[in-house]
PDB file of N, CA and C in Angstrom:
ATOM      1  N   MET A   1     107.794 -85.933  96.402  1.00  0.00           N
ATOM      2  CA  MET A   1     108.098 -85.331  95.452  1.00  0.00           C
ATOM      3  C   MET A   1     106.885 -85.341  94.691  1.00  0.00           C
ATOM      4  N   THR A   2     106.314 -83.952  94.142  1.00  0.00           N
ATOM      5  CA  THR A   2     105.376 -83.754  93.607  1.00  0.00           C
ATOM      6  C   THR A   2     105.599 -83.467  92.024  1.00  0.00           C
ATOM      7  N   PHE A   3     104.582 -83.930  91.280  1.00  0.00           N
ATOM      8  CA  PHE A   3     105.319 -83.771  89.776  1.00  0.00           C
ATOM      9  C   PHE A   3     104.126 -83.051  89.145  1.00  0.00           C
ATOM     10  N   ARG A   4     103.842 -82.092  88.129  1.00  0.00           N
ATOM     11  CA  ARG A   4     104.019 -80.744  87.439  1.00  0.00           C
ATOM     12  C   ARG A   4     104.365 -80.876  86.093  1.00  0.00           C
ATOM     13  N   TYR A   5     102.444 -80.766  85.328  1.00  0.00           N
ATOM     14  CA  TYR A   5     103.111 -80.635  83.839  1.00  0.00           C
ATOM     15  C   TYR A   5     102.552 -79.777  83.363  1.00  0.00           C
ATOM     16  N   ALA A   6     103.144 -78.601  83.270  1.00  0.00           N
ATOM     17  CA  ALA A   6     102.213 -77.918  82.508  1.00  0.00           C
ATOM     18  C   ALA A   6     102.669 -77.173  81.647  1.00  0.00           C
ATOM     19  N   ARG A   7     101.245 -76.756  80.617  1.00  0.00           N
ATOM     20  CA  ARG A   7     101.175 -76.848  79.284  1.00  0.00           C
ATOM     21  C   ARG A   7     100.301 -75.118  79.038  1.00  0.00           C
ATOM     22  N   HIS A   8     100.607 -74.665  77.915  1.00  0.00           N
ATOM     23  CA  HIS A   8     100.265 -72.970  77.612  1.00  0.00           C
ATOM     24  C   HIS A   8      99.171 -73.386  76.429  1.00  0.00           C
ATOM     25  N   THR A   9      97.947 -72.984  76.925  1.00  0.00           N
ATOM     26  CA  THR A   9      96.693 -73.333  75.869  1.00  0.00           C
ATOM     27  C   THR A   9      96.221 -71.866  75.124  1.00  0.00           C
ATOM     28  N   SER A  10      95.555 -71.959  74.045  1.00  0.00           N
ATOM     29  CA  SER A  10      94.739 -70.422  74.202  1.00  0.00           C
ATOM     30  C   SER A  10      93.337 -70.729  74.037  1.00  0.00           C
ATOM     31  N   ASP A  11      92.892 -72.030  74.970  1.00  0.00           N
ATOM     32  CA  ASP A  11      91.476 -71.940  75.152  1.00  0.00           C
ATOM     33  C   ASP A  11      91.157 -72.830  76.442  1.00  0.00           C
ATOM     34  N   LEU A  12      91.505 -71.973  77.640  1.00  0.00           N
ATOM     35  CA  LEU A  12      91.031 -72.807  79.026  1.00  0.00           C
ATOM     36  C   LEU A  12      90.145 -73.310  79.227  1.00  0.00           C
ATOM     37  N   LYS A  13      89.016 -72.743  78.647  1.00  0.00           N
ATOM     38  CA  LYS A  13      87.499 -73.285  79.038  1.00  0.00           C
ATOM     39  C   LYS A  13      87.774 -74.811  78.567  1.00  0.00           C
ATOM     40  N   LYS A  14      88.163 -75.230  77.075  1.00  0.00           N
ATOM     41  CA  LYS A  14      87.533 -76.712  76.205  1.00  0.00           C
ATOM     42  C   LYS A  14      88.777 -77.438  76.955  1.00  0.00           C
ATOM     43  N   ILE A  15      90.068 -76.591  77.278  1.00  0.00           N
ATOM     44  CA  ILE A  15      90.759 -77.319  78.215  1.00  0.00           C
ATOM     45  C   ILE A  15      89.967 -78.274  79.415  1.00  0.00           C
ATOM     46  N   GLU A  16      89.332 -77.608  80.652  1.00  0.00           N
ATOM     47  CA  GLU A  16      88.704 -77.846  81.389  1.00  0.00           C
ATOM     48  C   GLU A  16      87.736 -78.974  80.758  1.00  0.00           C
ATOM     49  N   ARG A  17      86.568 -78.564  79.480  1.00  0.00           N
ATOM     50  CA  ARG A  17      85.807 -79.793  79.583  1.00  0.00           C
ATOM     51  C   ARG A  17      86.362 -80.593  79.266  1.00  0.00           C
ATOM     52  N   PHE A  18      87.251 -80.580  77.843  1.00  0.00           N
ATOM     53  CA  PHE A  18      88.103 -82.186  77.786  1.00  0.00           C
ATOM     54  C   PHE A  18      88.293 -82.699  78.832  1.00  0.00           C
ATOM     55  N   TYR A  19      89.322 -82.402  79.943  1.00  0.00           N
ATOM     56  CA  TYR A  19      89.965 -83.465  80.588  1.00  0.00           C
ATOM     57  C   TYR A  19      89.061 -83.930  82.430  1.00  0.00           C
ATOM     58  N   THR A  20      87.767 -82.767  81.995  1.00  0.00           N
ATOM     59  CA  THR A  20      87.129 -83.044  83.557  1.00  0.00           C
ATOM     60  C   THR A  20      86.257 -84.365  82.821  1.00  0.00           C
ATOM     61  N   LYS A  21      85.236 -83.852  81.608  1.00  0.00           N
ATOM     62  CA  LYS A  21      84.161 -84.193  81.601  1.00  0.00           C
ATOM     63  C   LYS A  21      84.367 -85.813  80.447  1.00  0.00           C
ATOM     64  N   LEU A  22      85.652 -86.086  79.865  1.00  0.00           N
ATOM     65  CA  LEU A  22      85.862 -87.164  78.986  1.00  0.00           C
ATOM     66  C   LEU A  22      87.256 -87.621  79.722  1.00  0.00           C
ATOM     67  N   VAL A  23      88.100 -87.093  79.774  1.00  0.00           N
ATOM     68  CA  VAL A  23      89.075 -87.830  80.952  1.00  0.00           C
ATOM     69  C   VAL A  23      88.831 -88.247  82.306  1.00  0.00           C
ATOM     70  N   GLY A  24      88.284 -87.320  82.946  1.00  0.00           N
ATOM     71  CA  GLY A  24      87.668 -88.081  84.530  1.00  0.00           C
ATOM     72  C   GLY A  24      88.437 -87.205  85.809  1.00  0.00           C
ATOM     73  N   LEU A  25      89.693 -86.031  84.855  1.00  0.00           N
ATOM     74  CA  LEU A  25      89.955 -85.086  86.229  1.00  0.00           C
ATOM     75  C   LEU A  25      88.820 -83.953  86.501  1.00  0.00           C
ATOM     76  N   GLU A  26      89.410 -83.843  87.801  1.00  0.00           N
ATOM     77  CA  GLU A  26      88.788 -82.526  88.890  1.00  0.00           C
ATOM     78  C   GLU A  26      89.624 -81.266  88.593  1.00  0.00           C
ATOM     79  N   LYS A  27      88.979 -80.450  88.439  1.00  0.00           N
ATOM     80  CA  LYS A  27      89.307 -79.218  88.274  1.00  0.00           C
ATOM     81  C   LYS A  27      89.718 -79.228  90.271  1.00  0.00           C
ATOM     82  N   LEU A  28      91.097 -78.877  90.057  1.00  0.00           N
ATOM     83  CA  LEU A  28      91.938 -78.405  91.937  1.00  0.00           C
ATOM     84  C   LEU A  28      91.823 -77.498  92.158  1.00  0.00           C
ATOM     85  N   GLY A  29      92.012 -75.850  91.563  1.00  0.00           N
ATOM     86  CA  GLY A  29      92.349 -75.165  91.369  1.00  0.00           C
ATOM     87  C   GLY A  29      92.778 -74.111  89.782  1.00  0.00           C
ATOM     88  N   GLY A  30      93.129 -72.784  90.435  1.00  0.00           N
ATOM     89  CA  GLY A  30      93.366 -72.022  89.179  1.00  0.00           C
ATOM     90  C   GLY A  30      93.692 -71.021  89.640  1.00  0.00           C
ATOM     91  N   PHE A  31      94.104 -69.596  89.038  1.00  0.00           N
ATOM     92  CA  PHE A  31      94.493 -68.355  89.599  1.00  0.00           C
ATOM     93  C   PHE A  31      93.849 -67.307  87.777  1.00  0.00           C
ATOM     94  N   GLU A  32      93.330 -66.251  88.047  1.00  0.00           N
ATOM     95  CA  GLU A  32      93.218 -65.409  86.863  1.00  0.00           C
ATOM     96  C   GLU A  32      94.414 -64.184  87.471  1.00  0.00           C
ATOM     97  N   ASN A  33      95.029 -63.449  85.852  1.00  0.00           N
ATOM     98  CA  ASN A  33      95.251 -62.988  85.642  1.00  0.00           C
ATOM     99  C   ASN A  33      96.838 -62.615  86.891  1.00  0.00           C
ATOM    100  N   HIS A  34      97.322 -63.740  87.061  1.00  0.00           N
ATOM    101  CA  HIS A  34      98.470 -63.575  87.918  1.00  0.00           C
ATOM    102  C   HIS A  34      99.790 -63.336  86.941  1.00  0.00           C
ATOM    103  N   ASN A  35     100.682 -62.167  86.847  1.00  0.00           N
ATOM    104  CA  ASN A  35     101.709 -61.365  85.708  1.00  0.00           C
ATOM    105  C   ASN A  35     100.861 -61.712  84.546  1.00  0.00           C
ATOM    106  N   ASN A  36     100.104 -61.658  84.109  1.00  0.00           N
ATOM    107  CA  ASN A  36      99.052 -61.663  82.757  1.00  0.00           C
ATOM    108  C   ASN A  36      98.853 -62.915  82.240  1.00  0.00           C
ATOM    109  N   TYR A  37      99.181 -63.784  83.581  1.00  0.00           N
ATOM    110  CA  TYR A  37      98.212 -65.529  82.764  1.00  0.00           C
ATOM    111  C   TYR A  37      97.917 -66.121  84.212  1.00  0.00           C
ATOM    112  N   ASP A  38      96.426 -66.739  83.410  1.00  0.00           N
ATOM    113  CA  ASP A  38      95.252 -67.316  83.865  1.00  0.00           C
ATOM    114  C   ASP A  38      95.903 -68.735  83.883  1.00  0.00           C
ATOM    115  N   GLY A  39      95.250 -69.611  84.740  1.00  0.00           N
ATOM    116  CA  GLY A  39      95.714 -70.779  84.551  1.00  0.00           C
ATOM    117  C   GLY A  39      94.661 -71.522  85.523  1.00  0.00           C
ATOM    118  N   LEU A  40      94.702 -72.999  85.183  1.00  0.00           N
ATOM    119  CA  LEU A  40      94.271 -74.259  85.831  1.00  0.00           C
ATOM    120  C   LEU A  40      94.699 -75.141  86.305  1.00  0.00           C
ATOM    121  N   PHE A  41      94.234 -75.982  86.918  1.00  0.00           N
ATOM    122  CA  PHE A  41      95.420 -77.128  87.902  1.00  0.00           C
ATOM    123  C   PHE A  41      94.348 -78.331  87.540  1.00  0.00           C
ATOM    124  N   LEU A  42      94.164 -79.314  87.099  1.00  0.00           N
ATOM    125  CA  LEU A  42      93.477 -80.726  87.402  1.00  0.00           C
ATOM    126  C   LEU A  42      94.557 -81.439  87.753  1.00  0.00           C
ATOM    127  N   GLY A  43      93.521 -82.192  87.768  1.00  0.00           N
ATOM    128  CA  GLY A  43      94.122 -84.142  88.584  1.00  0.00           C
ATOM    129  C   GLY A  43      93.321 -84.307  89.578  1.00  0.00           C
ATOM    130  N   HIS A  44      93.485 -85.263  90.346  1.00  0.00           N
ATOM    131  CA  HIS A  44      92.869 -86.246  91.744  1.00  0.00           C
ATOM    132  C   HIS A  44      93.358 -86.004  92.845  1.00  0.00           C
ATOM    133  N   LYS A  45      92.465 -85.195  93.632  1.00  0.00           N
ATOM    134  CA  LYS A  45      92.726 -85.359  95.072  1.00  0.00           C
ATOM    135  C   LYS A  45      93.933 -86.120  95.919  1.00  0.00           C
ATOM    136  N   ASN A  46      94.429 -85.458  96.501  1.00  0.00           N
ATOM    137  CA  ASN A  46      95.444 -86.568  96.955  1.00  0.00           C
ATOM    138  C   ASN A  46      96.194 -86.836  96.605  1.00  0.00           C
ATOM    139  N   SER A  47      96.626 -87.076  95.586  1.00  0.00           N
ATOM    140  CA  SER A  47      97.120 -87.590  94.402  1.00  0.00           C
ATOM    141  C   SER A  47      98.766 -86.623  94.452  1.00  0.00           C
ATOM    142  N   ASN A  48      99.773 -86.840  94.248  1.00  0.00           N
ATOM    143  CA  ASN A  48     101.152 -86.129  94.161  1.00  0.00           C
ATOM    144  C   ASN A  48     101.143 -86.089  93.116  1.00  0.00           C
ATOM    145  N   TRP A  49     100.544 -85.605  92.284  1.00  0.00           N
ATOM    146  CA  TRP A  49     100.560 -84.968  90.390  1.00  0.00           C
ATOM    147  C   TRP A  49      99.649 -84.119  89.933  1.00  0.00           C
ATOM    148  N   HIS A  50      99.666 -82.919  89.204  1.00  0.00           N
ATOM    149  CA  HIS A  50      98.827 -82.854  88.799  1.00  0.00           C
ATOM    150  C   HIS A  50      98.794 -82.165  87.202  1.00  0.00           C
ATOM    151  N   LEU A  51      98.384 -81.660  86.654  1.00  0.00           N
ATOM    152  CA  LEU A  51      98.425 -80.848  85.199  1.00  0.00           C
ATOM    153  C   LEU A  51      98.322 -79.186  85.489  1.00  0.00           C
ATOM    154  N   GLU A  52      98.899 -78.555  85.352  1.00  0.00           N
ATOM    155  CA  GLU A  52      98.511 -76.975  84.815  1.00  0.00           C
ATOM    156  C   GLU A  52      98.229 -76.813  83.389  1.00  0.00           C
ATOM    157  N   PHE A  53      97.660 -75.945  83.424  1.00  0.00           N
ATOM    158  CA  PHE A  53      97.501 -75.483  81.719  1.00  0.00           C
ATOM    159  C   PHE A  53      97.222 -73.522  82.425  1.00  0.00           C
ATOM    160  N   THR A  54      98.034 -72.686  81.218  1.00  0.00           N
ATOM    161  CA  THR A  54      97.963 -71.541  81.409  1.00  0.00           C
ATOM    162  C   THR A  54      97.442 -71.353  79.970  1.00  0.00           C
ATOM    163  N   SER A  55      97.072 -69.588  80.154  1.00  0.00           N
ATOM    164  CA  SER A  55      97.417 -68.993  78.804  1.00  0.00           C
ATOM    165  C   SER A  55      97.029 -67.709  79.496  1.00  0.00           C
ATOM    166  N   SER A  56      97.245 -66.635  77.832  1.00  0.00           N
ATOM    167  CA  SER A  56      97.655 -65.302  77.922  1.00  0.00           C
ATOM    168  C   SER A  56      97.331 -64.944  77.052  1.00  0.00           C
ATOM    169  N   HIS A  57      98.084 -63.655  76.734  1.00  0.00           N
ATOM    170  CA  HIS A  57      98.016 -62.578  75.492  1.00  0.00           C
ATOM    171  C   HIS A  57      98.815 -63.764  74.513  1.00  0.00           C
ATOM    172  N   GLU A  58      99.820 -64.195  74.736  1.00  0.00           N
ATOM    173  CA  GLU A  58     101.043 -64.806  73.782  1.00  0.00           C
ATOM    174  C   GLU A  58     100.074 -65.668  73.520  1.00  0.00           C
ATOM    175  N   LYS A  59     100.137 -66.371  72.523  1.00  0.00           N
ATOM    176  CA  LYS A  59      99.892 -67.676  71.659  1.00  0.00           C
ATOM    177  C   LYS A  59     100.348 -69.113  72.059  1.00  0.00           C
ATOM    178  N   PRO A  60      99.967 -69.909  71.956  1.00  0.00           N
ATOM    179  CA  PRO A  60     101.267 -70.685  72.936  1.00  0.00           C
ATOM    180  C   PRO A  60     101.620 -71.488  71.356  1.00  0.00           C
ATOM    181  N   GLU A  61     102.898 -72.087  71.376  1.00  0.00           N
ATOM    182  CA  GLU A  61     104.053 -72.323  70.379  1.00  0.00           C
ATOM    183  C   GLU A  61     104.027 -73.715  70.298  1.00  0.00           C
ATOM    184  N   ASN A  62     103.064 -74.698  70.529  1.00  0.00           N
ATOM    185  CA  ASN A  62     103.131 -76.226  70.708  1.00  0.00           C
ATOM    186  C   ASN A  62     103.383 -76.723  69.637  1.00  0.00           C
ATOM    187  N   ALA A  63     104.397 -77.450  69.929  1.00  0.00           N
ATOM    188  CA  ALA A  63     104.334 -78.774  68.573  1.00  0.00           C
ATOM    189  C   ALA A  63     104.611 -80.673  68.766  1.00  0.00           C
ATOM    190  N   PHE A  64     102.958 -80.707  68.889  1.00  0.00           N
ATOM    191  CA  PHE A  64     102.971 -82.078  69.349  1.00  0.00           C
ATOM    192  C   PHE A  64     104.245 -83.460  68.500  1.00  0.00           C
ATOM    193  N   ASP A  65     104.888 -84.403  68.951  1.00  0.00           N
ATOM    194  CA  ASP A  65     105.509 -85.681  68.534  1.00  0.00           C
ATOM    195  C   ASP A  65     105.240 -86.848  68.558  1.00  0.00           C
ATOM    196  N   GLU A  66     104.787 -87.304  67.980  1.00  0.00           N
ATOM    197  CA  GLU A  66     103.116 -89.064  67.782  1.00  0.00           C
ATOM    198  C   GLU A  66     104.257 -89.841  69.111  1.00  0.00           C
ATOM    199  N   ASP A  67     105.506 -89.751  69.335  1.00  0.00           N
ATOM    200  CA  ASP A  67     105.766 -90.384  70.363  1.00  0.00           C
ATOM    201  C   ASP A  67     105.998 -90.106  71.560  1.00  0.00           C
ATOM    202  N   ASP A  68     105.478 -88.898  72.237  1.00  0.00           N
ATOM    203  CA  ASP A  68     105.158 -87.909  73.016  1.00  0.00           C
ATOM    204  C   ASP A  68     103.761 -87.571  73.636  1.00  0.00           C
ATOM    205  N   ILE A  69     103.150 -88.762  74.487  1.00  0.00           N
ATOM    206  CA  ILE A  69     101.340 -88.905  74.787  1.00  0.00           C
ATOM    207  C   ILE A  69     102.115 -88.550  76.412  1.00  0.00           C
ATOM    208  N   LEU A  70     100.624 -88.333  76.793  1.00  0.00           N
ATOM    209  CA  LEU A  70     100.290 -88.410  77.768  1.00  0.00           C
ATOM    210  C   LEU A  70      99.825 -89.605  78.195  1.00  0.00           C
ATOM    211  N   VAL A  71      99.738 -90.344  79.120  1.00  0.00           N
ATOM    212  CA  VAL A  71      99.498 -91.226  79.559  1.00  0.00           C
ATOM    213  C   VAL A  71      98.804 -91.184  80.977  1.00  0.00           C
ATOM    214  N   PHE A  72      97.487 -91.989  81.175  1.00  0.00           N
ATOM    215  CA  PHE A  72      96.958 -91.845  82.087  1.00  0.00           C
ATOM    216  C   PHE A  72      96.470 -93.499  82.133  1.00  0.00           C
ATOM    217  N   TYR A  73      96.618 -93.968  83.131  1.00  0.00           N
ATOM    218  CA  TYR A  73      96.442 -95.570  83.584  1.00  0.00           C
ATOM    219  C   TYR A  73      94.792 -95.642  84.833  1.00  0.00           C
ATOM    220  N   VAL A  74      94.203 -96.174  84.238  1.00  0.00           N
ATOM    221  CA  VAL A  74      92.939 -96.811  84.700  1.00  0.00           C
ATOM    222  C   VAL A  74      92.953 -97.569  86.070  1.00  0.00           C
ATOM    223  N   ASP A  75      92.046 -97.364  87.351  1.00  0.00           N
ATOM    224  CA  ASP A  75      92.117 -98.603  88.311  1.00  0.00           C
ATOM    225  C   ASP A  75      91.433 -99.728  87.736  1.00  0.00           C
ATOM    226  N   SER A  76      90.571 -99.844  86.999  1.00  0.00           N
ATOM    227  CA  SER A  76      89.724-100.626  87.229  1.00  0.00           C
ATOM    228  C   SER A  76      89.191-101.514  85.159  1.00  0.00           C
ATOM    229  N   GLU A  77      89.042-101.714  84.480  1.00  0.00           N
ATOM    230  CA  GLU A  77      88.311-102.179  83.923  1.00  0.00           C
ATOM    231  C   GLU A  77      86.605-101.950  83.620  1.00  0.00           C
ATOM    232  N   VAL A  78      85.770-101.391  84.813  1.00  0.00           N
ATOM    233  CA  VAL A  78      85.263-100.363  85.087  1.00  0.00           C
ATOM    234  C   VAL A  78      85.329 -98.600  84.417  1.00  0.00           C
ATOM    235  N   GLU A  79      85.872 -98.500  84.783  1.00  0.00           N
ATOM    236  CA  GLU A  79      86.588 -97.039  84.731  1.00  0.00           C
ATOM    237  C   GLU A  79      87.013 -96.508  83.532  1.00  0.00           C
ATOM    238  N   PHE A  80      87.727 -98.146  82.656  1.00  0.00           N
ATOM    239  CA  PHE A  80      88.595 -97.687  81.112  1.00  0.00           C
ATOM    240  C   PHE A  80      87.296 -98.021  80.789  1.00  0.00           C
ATOM    241  N   LYS A  81      85.927 -98.827  80.604  1.00  0.00           N
ATOM    242  CA  LYS A  81      84.552 -98.616  80.012  1.00  0.00           C
ATOM    243  C   LYS A  81      84.224 -97.692  79.956  1.00  0.00           C
ATOM    244  N   GLU A  82      83.970 -96.469  80.866  1.00  0.00           N
ATOM    245  CA  GLU A  82      83.129 -95.608  81.498  1.00  0.00           C
ATOM    246  C   GLU A  82      83.796 -94.738  80.691  1.00  0.00           C
ATOM    247  N   ILE A  83      84.945 -94.691  80.210  1.00  0.00           N
ATOM    248  CA  ILE A  83      85.546 -93.800  79.461  1.00  0.00           C
ATOM    249  C   ILE A  83      84.972 -93.812  77.918  1.00  0.00           C
ATOM    250  N   GLN A  84      85.117 -94.854  77.591  1.00  0.00           N
ATOM    251  CA  GLN A  84      84.711 -95.427  76.260  1.00  0.00           C
ATOM    252  C   GLN A  84      83.976 -95.034  75.783  1.00  0.00           C
ATOM    253  N   LYS A  85      82.560 -94.765  77.015  1.00  0.00           N
ATOM    254  CA  LYS A  85      81.515 -94.892  76.929  1.00  0.00           C
ATOM    255  C   LYS A  85      81.336 -93.169  76.697  1.00  0.00           C
ATOM    256  N   THR A  86      81.802 -92.626  77.399  1.00  0.00           N
ATOM    257  CA  THR A  86      81.334 -91.329  77.166  1.00  0.00           C
ATOM    258  C   THR A  86      82.258 -90.481  75.954  1.00  0.00           C
ATOM    259  N   LEU A  87      83.074 -91.422  75.870  1.00  0.00           N
ATOM    260  CA  LEU A  87      84.389 -90.580  74.237  1.00  0.00           C
ATOM    261  C   LEU A  87      82.939 -91.168  73.388  1.00  0.00           C
ATOM    262  N   ASP A  88      82.703 -92.248  73.118  1.00  0.00           N
ATOM    263  CA  ASP A  88      81.761 -92.552  72.571  1.00  0.00           C
ATOM    264  C   ASP A  88      79.958 -91.316  72.302  1.00  0.00           C
ATOM    265  N   LYS A  89      79.345 -91.965  73.478  1.00  0.00           N
ATOM    266  CA  LYS A  89      78.711 -89.813  73.869  1.00  0.00           C
ATOM    267  C   LYS A  89      79.093 -89.470  73.049  1.00  0.00           C
ATOM    268  N   GLU A  90      79.989 -88.756  73.097  1.00  0.00           N
ATOM    269  CA  GLU A  90      80.642 -87.243  72.805  1.00  0.00           C
ATOM    270  C   GLU A  90      81.518 -87.205  71.503  1.00  0.00           C
ATOM    271  N   ASN A  91      80.946 -88.109  70.578  1.00  0.00           N
ATOM    272  CA  ASN A  91      81.216 -88.554  68.940  1.00  0.00           C
ATOM    273  C   ASN A  91      83.440 -88.008  69.213  1.00  0.00           C
ATOM    274  N   ILE A  92      83.661 -88.850  69.904  1.00  0.00           N
ATOM    275  CA  ILE A  92      84.941 -88.750  69.866  1.00  0.00           C
ATOM    276  C   ILE A  92      85.609 -89.277  69.513  1.00  0.00           C
ATOM    277  N   ILE A  93      86.943 -89.051  67.884  1.00  0.00           N
ATOM    278  CA  ILE A  93      87.289 -90.350  67.278  1.00  0.00           C
ATOM    279  C   ILE A  93      88.669 -90.827  68.506  1.00  0.00           C
ATOM    280  N   LEU A  94      88.740 -91.738  68.219  1.00  0.00           N
ATOM    281  CA  LEU A  94      89.661 -92.612  68.858  1.00  0.00           C
ATOM    282  C   LEU A  94      90.989 -92.888  67.500  1.00  0.00           C
ATOM    283  N   GLU A  95      92.200 -92.596  67.911  1.00  0.00           N
ATOM    284  CA  GLU A  95      92.860 -92.329  67.158  1.00  0.00           C
ATOM    285  C   GLU A  95      94.318 -93.649  66.715  1.00  0.00           C
ATOM    286  N   ILE A  96      94.678 -94.198  65.865  1.00  0.00           N
ATOM    287  CA  ILE A  96      95.937 -94.720  66.249  1.00  0.00           C
ATOM    288  C   ILE A  96      97.419 -94.127  66.610  1.00  0.00           C
ATOM    289  N   PRO A  97      97.872 -94.852  67.766  1.00  0.00           N
ATOM    290  CA  PRO A  97      99.200 -94.477  68.115  1.00  0.00           C
ATOM    291  C   PRO A  97      99.950 -95.116  67.248  1.00  0.00           C
ATOM    292  N   LYS A  98     101.176 -94.136  67.040  1.00  0.00           N
ATOM    293  CA  LYS A  98     102.633 -94.673  66.389  1.00  0.00           C
ATOM    294  C   LYS A  98     102.857 -95.743  67.565  1.00  0.00           C
ATOM    295  N   ASN A  99     103.530 -96.324  68.665  1.00  0.00           N
ATOM    296  CA  ASN A  99     103.961 -96.892  69.368  1.00  0.00           C
ATOM    297  C   ASN A  99     102.725 -97.962  69.291  1.00  0.00           C
ATOM    298  N   PRO A 100     103.645 -99.166  69.082  1.00  0.00           N
ATOM    299  CA  PRO A 100     102.325-100.584  68.732  1.00  0.00           C
ATOM    300  C   PRO A 100     102.009-100.742  69.897  1.00  0.00           C
ATOM    301  N   TYR A 101     102.703-100.748  71.275  1.00  0.00           N
ATOM    302  CA  TYR A 101     102.321-101.051  72.880  1.00  0.00           C
ATOM    303  C   TYR A 101     100.946-101.100  72.895  1.00  0.00           C
ATOM    304  N   TRP A 102     100.904 -99.049  73.100  1.00  0.00           N
ATOM    305  CA  TRP A 102      99.657 -98.067  73.606  1.00  0.00           C
ATOM    306  C   TRP A 102      98.365 -98.455  72.036  1.00  0.00           C
ATOM    307  N   ALA A 103      99.315 -99.216  71.053  1.00  0.00           N
ATOM    308  CA  ALA A 103      97.784 -99.075  70.177  1.00  0.00           C
ATOM    309  C   ALA A 103      97.162-101.045  71.012  1.00  0.00           C
ATOM    310  N   LYS A 104      97.849-101.581  71.509  1.00  0.00           N
ATOM    311  CA  LYS A 104      97.637-103.038  71.775  1.00  0.00           C
ATOM    312  C   LYS A 104      97.083-102.692  73.208  1.00  0.00           C
ATOM    313  N   ASN A 105      97.576-101.889  73.881  1.00  0.00           N
ATOM    314  CA  ASN A 105      97.003-101.210  75.262  1.00  0.00           C
ATOM    315  C   ASN A 105      96.400-100.186  75.584  1.00  0.00           C
ATOM    316  N   GLY A 106      95.978 -99.667  74.912  1.00  0.00           N
ATOM    317  CA  GLY A 106      95.361 -98.375  75.649  1.00  0.00           C
ATOM    318  C   GLY A 106      94.256 -97.834  74.081  1.00  0.00           C
ATOM    319  N   ILE A 107      94.010 -96.404  74.790  1.00  0.00           N
ATOM    320  CA  ILE A 107      93.166 -95.946  73.543  1.00  0.00           C
ATOM    321  C   ILE A 107      93.847 -94.516  73.376  1.00  0.00           C
ATOM    322  N   MET A 108      94.018 -93.775  71.905  1.00  0.00           N
ATOM    323  CA  MET A 108      94.380 -92.630  72.172  1.00  0.00           C
ATOM    324  C   MET A 108      93.365 -91.791  71.566  1.00  0.00           C
ATOM    325  N   ILE A 109      93.586 -90.514  72.025  1.00  0.00           N
ATOM    326  CA  ILE A 109      92.497 -89.035  71.513  1.00  0.00           C
ATOM    327  C   ILE A 109      93.107 -88.363  71.247  1.00  0.00           C
ATOM    328  N   SER A 110      93.141 -86.826  71.411  1.00  0.00           N
ATOM    329  CA  SER A 110      93.406 -85.821  71.260  1.00  0.00           C
ATOM    330  C   SER A 110      92.411 -84.870  71.442  1.00  0.00           C
ATOM    331  N   ASP A 111      93.469 -83.863  72.495  1.00  0.00           N
ATOM    332  CA  ASP A 111      92.503 -82.921  73.266  1.00  0.00           C
ATOM    333  C   ASP A 111      92.599 -81.403  72.335  1.00  0.00           C
ATOM    334  N   PRO A 112      91.859 -80.304  73.008  1.00  0.00           N
ATOM    335  CA  PRO A 112      91.785 -79.618  71.942  1.00  0.00           C
ATOM    336  C   PRO A 112      92.977 -79.108  71.483  1.00  0.00           C
ATOM    337  N   ASP A 113      94.221 -78.970  72.132  1.00  0.00           N
ATOM    338  CA  ASP A 113      95.306 -78.025  71.180  1.00  0.00           C
ATOM    339  C   ASP A 113      96.171 -79.366  70.590  1.00  0.00           C
ATOM    340  N   ASN A 114      95.218 -80.210  69.933  1.00  0.00           N
ATOM    341  CA  ASN A 114      95.295 -81.827  69.186  1.00  0.00           C
ATOM    342  C   ASN A 114      96.705 -82.670  70.116  1.00  0.00           C
ATOM    343  N   PHE A 115      97.043 -82.486  71.208  1.00  0.00           N
ATOM    344  CA  PHE A 115      97.758 -83.090  71.550  1.00  0.00           C
ATOM    345  C   PHE A 115      97.274 -84.754  72.353  1.00  0.00           C
ATOM    346  N   LYS A 116      98.269 -85.619  72.012  1.00  0.00           N
ATOM    347  CA  LYS A 116      97.439 -87.099  72.413  1.00  0.00           C
ATOM    348  C   LYS A 116      97.930 -87.483  74.001  1.00  0.00           C
TER     349      LYS A 116
END
């Protein structure tokens, strides 16, 4: 089984930069003007999952909830520290998760659409 999480956005370029430069995902592909939608696939090669972001002339009606978060697990402490260093360099503000588990065991940041 392959997993894809798809979400509509108003700015694919900002989303691509955020998830590739700050989170460390790879651009796996994309499409333009497919039934009036543009899209972007992000993830890691040879994984059975990826994120899909789409945009169109219709603006997204996204509504974030503090308990609905996208969680990435890193493979090592080195990878975690590299991400932290990149976030510091980019002046990304860390947020406090609502769930105490994530407050203790991770870091939370907002993407360009204000999703965590």
